[in-house]
Amino acid sequence: MYKNQAESLAFVQMFKSEIEETKEDREIVLCAPFTSLTVMSKNLHGSRIMLGAQNIHWEIEGAYTGEISGEMLTEIGVDYVIIGHSERRQYFGETDETVNLRLKAAQQYGLKPILCVGETKEQKDAEETEEIIISQLKKDLVGVDQNNLVIAYEPIWAIGTGDTCESKEANRVIGMIRQQLDNQDVSIQYGGSVKPSNVAEIMAQPEIDGALVGGSSLSASSFARIVNYE
């Protein structure tokens, strides 16, 4: 929940100028608050940057105050949508059952969902990481098309804390996630205190296909350095 429309526009304009030389094989998605999506869509038109939302409701329309539908998102040019982020699960009562409904709704409208899974510090300390994530995947992915899907492993204890998961451990967990999937080619990202200083090490891991960036994406120059890692 950052940036009004003017701030989002300024971000896009600066960010576009800083990624002009970015390698062609890098996919870039900006997932913005609902209020900024229209102004960003207009200013990203014709660029290589894709646009994502931070949530979606599973119904087409109805008495769901505060929610947003797939049709509303596609109408303004949204390509991706984050679903099941740990903050949605932690603060707003998101369950694996509602995550599943949102995933299927996103795909129904041609949006590519970014499914977030991960464990808390308590679960990690109890050595329940694999059990928790496997349970999430089994419930979240019922009836979901794995050919139109991105998964993000975000250890909750590493989000915004500066306590990054060791890259080899992130790679191990993401490899475990991949083993649970029918489609082994699903793009699986790591998210959790990704910064310009550690992105190269994270991306050097063989199982990690991308990064879900939070705090370090709020600055256009910081996020550009992450995108342009060597």
Protein backbone atom coordinates (compact mmCIF):
# COMPACT_ATOMS: atom_id res chain seq x y z
CA MET A 1 0.00 0.00 0.00
CA TYR A 2 2.41 2.62 -1.35
CA LYS A 3 2.27 5.48 -3.88
CA ASN A 4 -0.63 7.59 -5.09
CA GLN A 5 -1.25 8.10 -8.82
CA ALA A 6 1.23 10.96 -9.21
CA GLU A 7 3.94 9.04 -7.38
CA SER A 8 3.24 5.91 -9.42
CA LEU A 9 3.51 7.87 -12.66
CA ALA A 10 6.81 9.42 -11.59
CA PHE A 11 8.08 5.95 -10.67
CA VAL A 12 7.13 4.50 -14.06
CA GLN A 13 8.77 7.32 -15.98
CA MET A 14 12.03 7.03 -14.06
CA PHE A 15 12.01 3.24 -14.06
CA LYS A 16 11.49 3.01 -17.83
CA SER A 17 14.51 5.21 -18.42
CA GLU A 18 16.69 3.02 -16.20
CA ILE A 19 15.89 -0.32 -17.82
CA GLU A 20 16.32 0.66 -21.47
CA GLU A 21 19.41 -1.55 -21.73
CA THR A 22 17.99 -4.45 -19.73
CA LYS A 23 18.56 -7.86 -21.27
CA GLU A 24 15.70 -8.96 -23.51
CA ASP A 25 15.12 -12.24 -21.65
CA ARG A 26 14.18 -10.46 -18.40
CA GLU A 27 10.45 -10.32 -17.72
CA ILE A 28 9.41 -7.31 -15.65
CA VAL A 29 6.08 -6.92 -13.85
CA LEU A 30 4.96 -4.02 -11.67
CA CYS A 31 2.19 -4.97 -9.21
CA ALA A 32 0.59 -1.74 -8.05
CA PRO A 33 -2.33 -0.64 -5.84
CA PHE A 34 -5.69 -0.63 -7.60
CA THR A 35 -5.85 3.18 -7.71
CA SER A 36 -2.62 3.41 -9.73
CA LEU A 37 -3.34 0.69 -12.29
CA THR A 38 -5.09 2.87 -14.88
CA VAL A 39 -2.48 5.64 -14.98
CA MET A 40 0.31 3.07 -15.06
CA SER A 41 -1.36 1.04 -17.80
CA LYS A 42 -1.56 4.10 -20.03
CA ASN A 43 2.10 4.93 -19.46
CA LEU A 44 3.36 1.35 -19.88
CA HIS A 45 1.54 0.86 -23.19
CA GLY A 46 4.05 -0.22 -25.83
CA SER A 47 6.79 -0.89 -23.27
CA ARG A 48 8.22 -4.25 -22.24
CA ILE A 49 6.96 -3.80 -18.67
CA MET A 50 3.83 -5.74 -17.74
CA LEU A 51 1.27 -4.69 -15.16
CA GLY A 52 0.00 -6.68 -12.19
CA ALA A 53 -2.62 -6.20 -9.49
CA GLN A 54 -2.26 -7.25 -5.85
CA ASN A 55 -5.51 -9.21 -5.49
CA ILE A 56 -8.66 -10.36 -7.29
CA HIS A 57 -12.10 -11.60 -6.21
CA TRP A 58 -13.50 -14.85 -7.52
CA GLU A 59 -16.95 -13.57 -8.49
CA ILE A 60 -17.74 -11.61 -11.66
CA GLU A 61 -19.67 -9.00 -9.68
CA GLY A 62 -21.83 -8.74 -6.57
CA ALA A 63 -22.12 -7.43 -3.04
CA TYR A 64 -18.43 -7.78 -2.18
CA THR A 65 -17.53 -4.32 -0.92
CA GLY A 66 -13.83 -3.55 -1.23
CA GLU A 67 -13.11 -6.32 -3.74
CA ILE A 68 -12.24 -6.19 -7.45
CA SER A 69 -13.11 -8.57 -10.28
CA GLY A 70 -11.12 -10.06 -13.13
CA GLU A 71 -13.16 -8.12 -15.67
CA MET A 72 -12.34 -4.84 -13.92
CA LEU A 73 -8.62 -5.68 -14.06
CA THR A 74 -8.43 -6.87 -17.65
CA GLU A 75 -10.38 -3.83 -18.84
CA ILE A 76 -7.49 -1.57 -17.81
CA GLY A 77 -4.72 -3.75 -19.21
CA VAL A 78 -3.60 -5.81 -16.23
CA ASP A 79 -1.61 -8.96 -17.10
CA TYR A 80 -0.72 -10.51 -13.73
CA VAL A 81 -2.21 -10.70 -10.25
CA ILE A 82 -0.62 -11.63 -6.91
CA ILE A 83 -2.73 -14.15 -4.98
CA GLY A 84 -2.29 -15.50 -1.47
CA HIS A 85 0.42 -13.09 -0.38
CA SER A 86 1.39 -13.73 3.23
CA GLU A 87 0.01 -10.35 4.28
CA ARG A 88 -3.39 -11.25 2.80
CA ARG A 89 -3.28 -14.55 4.67
CA GLN A 90 -2.01 -13.00 7.92
CA TYR A 91 -4.07 -9.80 8.16
CA PHE A 92 -7.16 -10.35 6.05
CA GLY A 93 -8.25 -13.93 6.67
CA GLU A 94 -7.16 -15.37 3.32
CA THR A 95 -7.38 -19.17 3.35
CA ASP A 96 -6.17 -21.84 0.98
CA GLU A 97 -9.79 -22.27 -0.12
CA THR A 98 -10.21 -18.60 -1.07
CA VAL A 99 -6.76 -18.57 -2.66
CA ASN A 100 -7.88 -21.45 -4.86
CA LEU A 101 -11.03 -19.58 -5.91
CA ARG A 102 -9.03 -16.46 -6.73
CA LEU A 103 -6.48 -18.44 -8.78
CA LYS A 104 -9.19 -19.98 -10.92
CA ALA A 105 -10.92 -16.62 -11.37
CA ALA A 106 -7.67 -15.01 -12.53
CA GLN A 107 -7.11 -17.72 -15.11
CA GLN A 108 -10.71 -17.49 -16.27
CA TYR A 109 -9.98 -13.89 -17.30
CA GLY A 110 -6.62 -14.63 -18.91
CA LEU A 111 -4.61 -13.15 -16.05
CA LYS A 112 -1.46 -14.96 -14.95
CA PRO A 113 -1.60 -15.49 -11.17
CA ILE A 114 1.46 -15.25 -8.96
CA LEU A 115 0.70 -17.69 -6.13
CA CYS A 116 2.54 -16.98 -2.88
CA VAL A 117 3.39 -19.76 -0.43
CA GLY A 118 5.66 -19.84 2.60
CA GLU A 119 6.11 -20.58 6.27
CA THR A 120 6.19 -18.46 9.43
CA LYS A 121 9.18 -18.27 11.77
CA GLU A 122 7.39 -20.53 14.25
CA GLN A 123 6.76 -23.12 11.57
CA LYS A 124 10.36 -22.89 10.38
CA ASP A 125 11.69 -23.31 13.91
CA ALA A 126 9.46 -26.36 14.35
CA GLU A 127 10.93 -27.80 11.11
CA GLU A 128 7.52 -27.75 9.44
CA THR A 129 8.53 -25.84 6.31
CA GLU A 130 8.00 -28.66 3.82
CA GLU A 131 4.80 -29.87 5.47
CA ILE A 132 3.25 -26.39 5.45
CA ILE A 133 4.17 -25.59 1.86
CA ILE A 134 3.08 -28.96 0.48
CA SER A 135 -0.27 -28.53 2.25
CA GLN A 136 -0.67 -25.04 0.77
CA LEU A 137 0.11 -26.25 -2.74
CA LYS A 138 -2.26 -29.20 -2.58
CA LYS A 139 -5.18 -27.02 -1.52
CA ASP A 140 -4.33 -23.92 -3.56
CA LEU A 141 -3.83 -25.70 -6.90
CA VAL A 142 -6.98 -27.85 -7.09
CA GLY A 143 -8.37 -27.35 -10.59
CA VAL A 144 -5.73 -24.72 -11.46
CA ASP A 145 -4.01 -24.72 -14.88
CA GLN A 146 -0.30 -25.01 -14.15
CA ASN A 147 0.53 -23.86 -17.68
CA ASN A 148 -0.61 -20.34 -16.75
CA LEU A 149 0.95 -19.87 -13.34
CA VAL A 150 3.85 -18.34 -11.42
CA ILE A 151 4.69 -19.45 -7.87
CA ALA A 152 6.57 -17.31 -5.37
CA TYR A 153 8.19 -18.86 -2.31
CA GLU A 154 8.17 -16.17 0.35
CA PRO A 155 9.38 -17.30 3.77
CA ILE A 156 7.25 -15.04 5.96
CA TRP A 157 10.03 -14.62 8.50
CA ALA A 158 12.23 -13.02 5.82
CA ILE A 159 9.74 -10.47 4.45
CA GLY A 160 10.73 -6.89 5.24
CA THR A 161 12.96 -8.04 8.08
CA GLY A 162 16.30 -7.86 6.31
CA ASP A 163 16.71 -11.51 7.31
CA THR A 164 17.07 -13.08 3.87
CA CYS A 165 16.71 -16.82 3.53
CA GLU A 166 20.08 -18.34 2.63
CA SER A 167 20.16 -18.70 -1.15
CA LYS A 168 20.97 -22.42 -1.00
CA GLU A 169 18.06 -23.02 1.38
CA ALA A 170 15.72 -21.01 -0.85
CA ASN A 171 16.93 -23.08 -3.78
CA ARG A 172 16.26 -26.31 -1.84
CA VAL A 173 12.72 -25.29 -0.91
CA ILE A 174 11.94 -24.12 -4.43
CA GLY A 175 13.23 -27.43 -5.77
CA MET A 176 10.89 -29.19 -3.36
CA ILE A 177 8.00 -27.03 -4.58
CA ARG A 178 8.81 -27.95 -8.18
CA GLN A 179 8.66 -31.64 -7.30
CA GLN A 180 5.05 -31.18 -6.16
CA LEU A 181 3.93 -29.79 -9.53
CA ASP A 182 2.59 -31.55 -12.59
CA ASN A 183 4.27 -28.93 -14.78
CA GLN A 184 7.99 -28.82 -13.99
CA ASP A 185 8.42 -25.70 -16.12
CA VAL A 186 6.36 -23.41 -13.88
CA SER A 187 8.33 -20.26 -13.11
CA ILE A 188 9.12 -20.23 -9.38
CA GLN A 189 10.36 -17.06 -7.72
CA TYR A 190 11.93 -16.25 -4.37
CA GLY A 191 10.60 -13.37 -2.30
CA GLY A 192 11.87 -12.08 1.02
CA SER A 193 14.24 -9.13 1.52
CA VAL A 194 15.55 -9.28 -2.05
CA LYS A 195 17.95 -6.35 -2.54
CA PRO A 196 20.41 -5.11 -5.19
CA SER A 197 23.19 -6.51 -3.00
CA ASN A 198 21.91 -10.11 -2.90
CA VAL A 199 19.85 -10.58 -6.07
CA ALA A 200 22.76 -11.97 -8.14
CA GLU A 201 23.48 -14.67 -5.56
CA ILE A 202 19.79 -15.57 -5.36
CA MET A 203 19.38 -15.72 -9.13
CA ALA A 204 22.52 -17.87 -9.52
CA GLN A 205 20.65 -20.75 -7.85
CA PRO A 206 19.50 -23.31 -10.44
CA GLU A 207 15.92 -23.73 -9.19
CA ILE A 208 15.14 -20.02 -8.80
CA ASP A 209 13.58 -18.42 -11.87
CA GLY A 210 12.85 -14.92 -10.58
CA ALA A 211 12.32 -12.60 -7.63
CA LEU A 212 9.23 -11.17 -5.97
CA VAL A 213 10.52 -7.85 -4.67
CA GLY A 214 8.85 -5.80 -1.94
CA GLY A 215 10.56 -2.93 -0.13
CA SER A 216 13.43 -2.62 -2.60
CA SER A 217 10.97 -2.06 -5.45
CA LEU A 218 9.65 1.20 -3.96
CA SER A 219 12.62 3.11 -5.39
CA ALA A 220 12.80 3.10 -9.19
CA SER A 221 16.61 3.12 -9.16
CA SER A 222 16.80 0.33 -6.56
CA PHE A 223 14.36 -1.87 -8.47
CA ALA A 224 16.18 -1.13 -11.75
CA ARG A 225 19.44 -2.32 -10.19
CA ILE A 226 17.71 -5.55 -9.20
CA VAL A 227 16.28 -6.04 -12.69
CA ASN A 228 19.69 -5.29 -14.24
CA TYR A 229 21.69 -7.62 -12.00
CA GLU A 230 24.72 -9.29 -13.56
